[in-house]
Protein backbone atom coordinates (compact mmCIF):
# COMPACT_ATOMS: atom_id res chain seq x y z
CA MET A 1 -57.51 0.16 143.19
CA ASN A 2 -57.67 -3.31 144.70
CA LEU A 3 -60.23 -5.19 142.64
CA PRO A 4 -61.08 -8.82 143.32
CA LEU A 5 -59.84 -10.53 140.18
CA TYR A 6 -59.04 -14.16 140.85
CA SER A 7 -61.15 -17.22 141.59
CA LEU A 8 -60.05 -19.61 144.32
CA THR A 9 -58.59 -21.98 141.72
CA ILE A 10 -56.55 -19.26 140.01
CA ALA A 11 -55.41 -17.73 143.31
CA SER A 12 -54.35 -21.18 144.46
CA GLU A 13 -52.29 -21.75 141.32
CA LEU A 14 -50.68 -18.31 141.48
CA VAL A 15 -49.50 -18.54 145.08
CA GLY A 16 -48.85 -22.28 145.16
CA LEU A 17 -51.21 -23.16 147.99
CA HIS A 18 -53.96 -25.77 147.98
CA PRO A 19 -57.47 -24.26 147.77
CA ARG A 20 -58.40 -25.93 151.09
CA THR A 21 -55.39 -24.27 152.72
CA ILE A 22 -56.50 -20.86 151.45
CA MET A 23 -60.02 -21.50 152.73
CA ASN A 24 -58.55 -22.45 156.11
CA TYR A 25 -56.60 -19.17 156.24
CA GLU A 26 -59.84 -17.35 155.47
CA LYS A 27 -61.61 -19.23 158.27
CA LEU A 28 -58.79 -18.25 160.66
CA GLY A 29 -59.32 -14.58 159.74
CA PHE A 30 -56.14 -13.87 157.78
CA LEU A 31 -58.12 -12.59 154.80
CA LYS A 32 -61.68 -12.01 153.67
CA PRO A 33 -62.08 -12.36 149.91
CA ALA A 34 -64.90 -10.66 148.06
CA ARG A 35 -67.80 -12.74 146.84
CA SER A 36 -69.37 -12.90 143.39
CA ARG A 37 -73.12 -12.78 142.86
CA GLY A 38 -73.00 -16.57 142.87
CA ASN A 39 -71.16 -16.45 146.24
CA LYS A 40 -67.82 -17.62 144.80
CA ARG A 41 -64.66 -16.31 146.40
CA LEU A 42 -62.80 -13.60 144.49
CA TYR A 43 -59.28 -12.65 145.51
CA SER A 44 -57.53 -9.33 144.96
CA ASN A 45 -53.82 -8.63 144.58
CA GLU A 46 -53.77 -7.63 148.26
CA ASP A 47 -55.25 -11.00 149.19
CA LEU A 48 -52.56 -12.72 147.13
CA LYS A 49 -49.85 -10.70 148.91
CA ILE A 50 -51.23 -11.84 152.26
CA LEU A 51 -51.19 -15.44 151.08
CA LEU A 52 -47.62 -15.09 149.81
CA MET A 53 -46.54 -13.63 153.15
CA ILE A 54 -48.24 -16.46 155.03
CA LYS A 55 -46.62 -19.03 152.75
CA HIS A 56 -43.21 -17.44 153.32
CA LEU A 57 -43.64 -17.32 157.09
CA ARG A 58 -44.87 -20.92 157.25
CA THR A 59 -42.24 -22.45 154.95
CA GLU A 60 -39.15 -20.25 155.24
CA GLU A 61 -39.53 -18.96 158.80
CA GLN A 62 -41.31 -22.12 159.99
CA LEU A 63 -43.85 -20.25 162.09
CA ASN A 64 -46.96 -22.03 163.35
CA LEU A 65 -50.48 -20.70 162.92
CA PRO A 66 -50.83 -19.16 166.42
CA ALA A 67 -47.58 -17.23 165.87
CA LEU A 68 -48.79 -16.09 162.45
CA LYS A 69 -52.12 -14.97 163.88
CA LEU A 70 -50.34 -12.92 166.54
CA LEU A 71 -48.06 -11.27 163.97
CA PHE A 72 -50.96 -10.43 161.67
CA ASP A 73 -53.19 -9.19 164.50
CA LYS A 74 -50.43 -6.84 165.67
CA ASN A 75 -49.49 -5.82 162.09
CA LEU A 76 -45.89 -6.91 162.62
CA THR A 77 -45.27 -8.99 159.50
CA THR A 78 -43.73 -6.28 157.34
CA THR A 79 -41.76 -4.82 160.25
CA LEU A 80 -40.23 -8.08 161.44
CA PHE A 81 -39.85 -9.69 158.02
CA ALA A 82 -38.92 -6.73 155.84
CA ASP A 83 -36.58 -8.94 153.81
CA PHE A 84 -39.61 -10.60 152.17
CA ASP A 85 -41.35 -8.29 149.70
CA ALA A 86 -44.77 -9.78 148.91
CA SER A 87 -45.50 -7.06 146.32
CA LYS A 88 -42.30 -7.85 144.45
CA ARG A 89 -42.97 -11.60 144.59
CA LEU A 90 -46.51 -11.10 143.25
CA ARG A 91 -45.17 -8.97 140.38
CA GLU A 92 -42.69 -11.75 139.54
CA ILE A 93 -45.47 -14.35 139.52
CA LEU A 94 -47.78 -12.23 137.38
CA ASP A 95 -44.95 -11.42 134.95
CA GLU A 96 -44.42 -15.16 134.41
CA ILE A 97 -47.95 -15.70 133.12
């Protein structure tokens, strides 16, 4: 089950991205976090994996946002970048806390 567990602040700390950056990725359509009754963003493990993949593609592969959008829209990220395992990286991060 993929429950929304993390606030924006916690998600930001876990994946190492500024909250504004995460909100920008949401605005661009890369992810759609759940909302609490108070309308606060809540991120699931799947959302964190998406953010980790984006971070990897931006920093390590040096892809720009239009290229990322194309890859995500065509579901090509895991095919073309199979060497990066977002699930494994998330497990490593969660094991550290």
